[in-house]
Amino acid sequence: MRVLTIVLMLLTASPVLADQARDAKQAKLDAACEAARQKKLAPIRQQYVETCVANKEQPSRQDCERFYADYGERMGGRAPLFYDLPECVTAFDFLQGNGDPES
């Protein structure tokens, strides 16, 4: 009877552990996607800030930086940029169950 109880416990715990492992992998892939996006967005944001400062579009550099801080992110009806990067495609495919990338 004890063996049966232990086997049943292991069988019910296995899907939970698998879900936790999948969630952890998804979080890792999502973080890699976001890091790649931010790396690509950083110089573009900086260029917008420099143009803003040069053209005196805002009262100060800090205001220009604050104004463009969310450039490339989802805002209102504006779609976020760079979700087509390979890291983001991999994360999306994994989320959809279309792949199981190596760790």
Protein backbone atom coordinates (compact mmCIF):
# COMPACT_ATOMS: atom_id res chain seq x y z
CA MET A 1 0.00 0.00 0.00
CA ARG A 2 2.85 2.41 0.83
CA VAL A 3 4.47 1.77 -2.54
CA LEU A 4 1.21 2.55 -4.31
CA THR A 5 0.86 5.77 -2.32
CA ILE A 6 4.42 6.82 -3.19
CA VAL A 7 3.90 6.02 -6.87
CA LEU A 8 0.69 8.03 -6.94
CA MET A 9 2.42 10.96 -5.23
CA LEU A 10 5.21 10.90 -7.79
CA LEU A 11 2.78 10.70 -10.69
CA THR A 12 0.79 13.69 -9.47
CA ALA A 13 3.92 15.71 -8.66
CA SER A 14 5.51 15.08 -12.06
CA PRO A 15 3.19 17.38 -14.07
CA VAL A 16 3.63 20.13 -11.49
CA LEU A 17 7.41 19.85 -11.73
CA ALA A 18 7.21 19.82 -15.53
CA ASP A 19 5.06 22.98 -15.46
CA GLN A 20 7.52 24.69 -13.13
CA ALA A 21 10.43 23.74 -15.39
CA ARG A 22 8.58 25.00 -18.45
CA ASP A 23 7.69 28.26 -16.69
CA ALA A 24 11.32 28.74 -15.67
CA LYS A 25 12.50 28.13 -19.23
CA GLN A 26 9.87 30.54 -20.57
CA ALA A 27 11.02 33.21 -18.11
CA LYS A 28 14.62 32.69 -19.23
CA LEU A 29 13.65 32.97 -22.91
CA ASP A 30 11.51 36.06 -22.23
CA ALA A 31 14.42 37.70 -20.38
CA ALA A 32 16.76 36.96 -23.30
CA CYS A 33 14.23 38.49 -25.68
CA GLU A 34 13.85 41.62 -23.57
CA ALA A 35 17.62 42.01 -23.22
CA ALA A 36 18.05 41.76 -27.00
CA ARG A 37 15.27 44.29 -27.56
CA GLN A 38 16.73 46.76 -25.08
CA LYS A 39 20.19 46.39 -26.63
CA LYS A 40 18.74 47.24 -30.04
CA LEU A 41 16.57 50.09 -28.71
CA ALA A 42 19.25 51.81 -26.60
CA PRO A 43 21.18 53.52 -29.43
CA ILE A 44 17.96 54.57 -31.16
CA ARG A 45 16.63 56.12 -27.95
CA GLN A 46 19.96 57.85 -27.43
CA GLN A 47 19.84 59.31 -30.94
CA TYR A 48 16.34 60.64 -30.33
CA VAL A 49 17.51 62.19 -27.05
CA GLU A 50 20.48 63.86 -28.78
CA THR A 51 18.23 65.23 -31.51
CA CYS A 52 15.77 66.44 -28.89
CA VAL A 53 18.55 68.25 -26.98
CA ALA A 54 20.07 69.73 -30.15
CA ASN A 55 16.70 71.00 -31.38
CA LYS A 56 15.64 72.12 -27.88
CA GLU A 57 12.40 70.12 -28.18
CA GLN A 58 12.24 69.85 -24.37
CA PRO A 59 13.51 72.24 -21.67
CA SER A 60 16.41 69.99 -20.61
CA ARG A 61 18.34 66.80 -21.41
CA GLN A 62 16.56 65.07 -18.51
CA ASP A 63 13.21 65.98 -20.02
CA CYS A 64 14.33 64.61 -23.40
CA GLU A 65 15.51 61.39 -21.74
CA ARG A 66 12.23 61.05 -19.87
CA PHE A 67 10.23 61.76 -23.04
CA TYR A 68 12.01 59.03 -25.04
CA ALA A 69 12.47 56.52 -22.19
CA ASP A 70 9.59 54.37 -23.45
CA TYR A 71 10.43 54.57 -27.13
CA GLY A 72 9.98 51.15 -28.70
CA GLU A 73 7.58 49.88 -26.04
CA ARG A 74 3.84 49.28 -26.42
CA MET A 75 2.04 52.55 -25.91
CA GLY A 76 -1.61 53.14 -26.72
CA GLY A 77 -2.18 51.77 -30.22
CA ARG A 78 1.54 51.70 -31.01
CA ALA A 79 3.04 48.24 -31.37
CA PRO A 80 6.30 47.47 -29.55
CA LEU A 81 9.43 47.22 -31.66
CA PHE A 82 11.85 44.35 -32.29
CA TYR A 83 9.79 41.35 -31.28
CA ASP A 84 11.02 39.90 -34.57
CA LEU A 85 14.52 39.38 -33.16
CA PRO A 86 15.62 35.71 -33.07
CA GLU A 87 15.54 35.62 -29.25
CA CYS A 88 11.96 36.87 -29.25
CA VAL A 89 10.85 34.47 -31.98
CA THR A 90 12.33 31.60 -29.95
CA ALA A 91 10.49 32.76 -26.81
CA PHE A 92 7.22 33.09 -28.71
CA ASP A 93 7.58 29.68 -30.36
CA PHE A 94 8.26 28.08 -26.98
CA LEU A 95 5.24 29.85 -25.49
CA GLN A 96 3.07 28.50 -28.30
CA GLY A 97 4.42 24.99 -27.77
CA ASN A 98 6.16 24.99 -31.14
CA GLY A 99 9.59 24.24 -29.83
CA ASP A 100 11.69 23.14 -26.93
CA PRO A 101 15.01 25.00 -27.30
CA GLU A 102 18.04 23.63 -25.54
CA SER A 103 18.98 25.23 -22.23
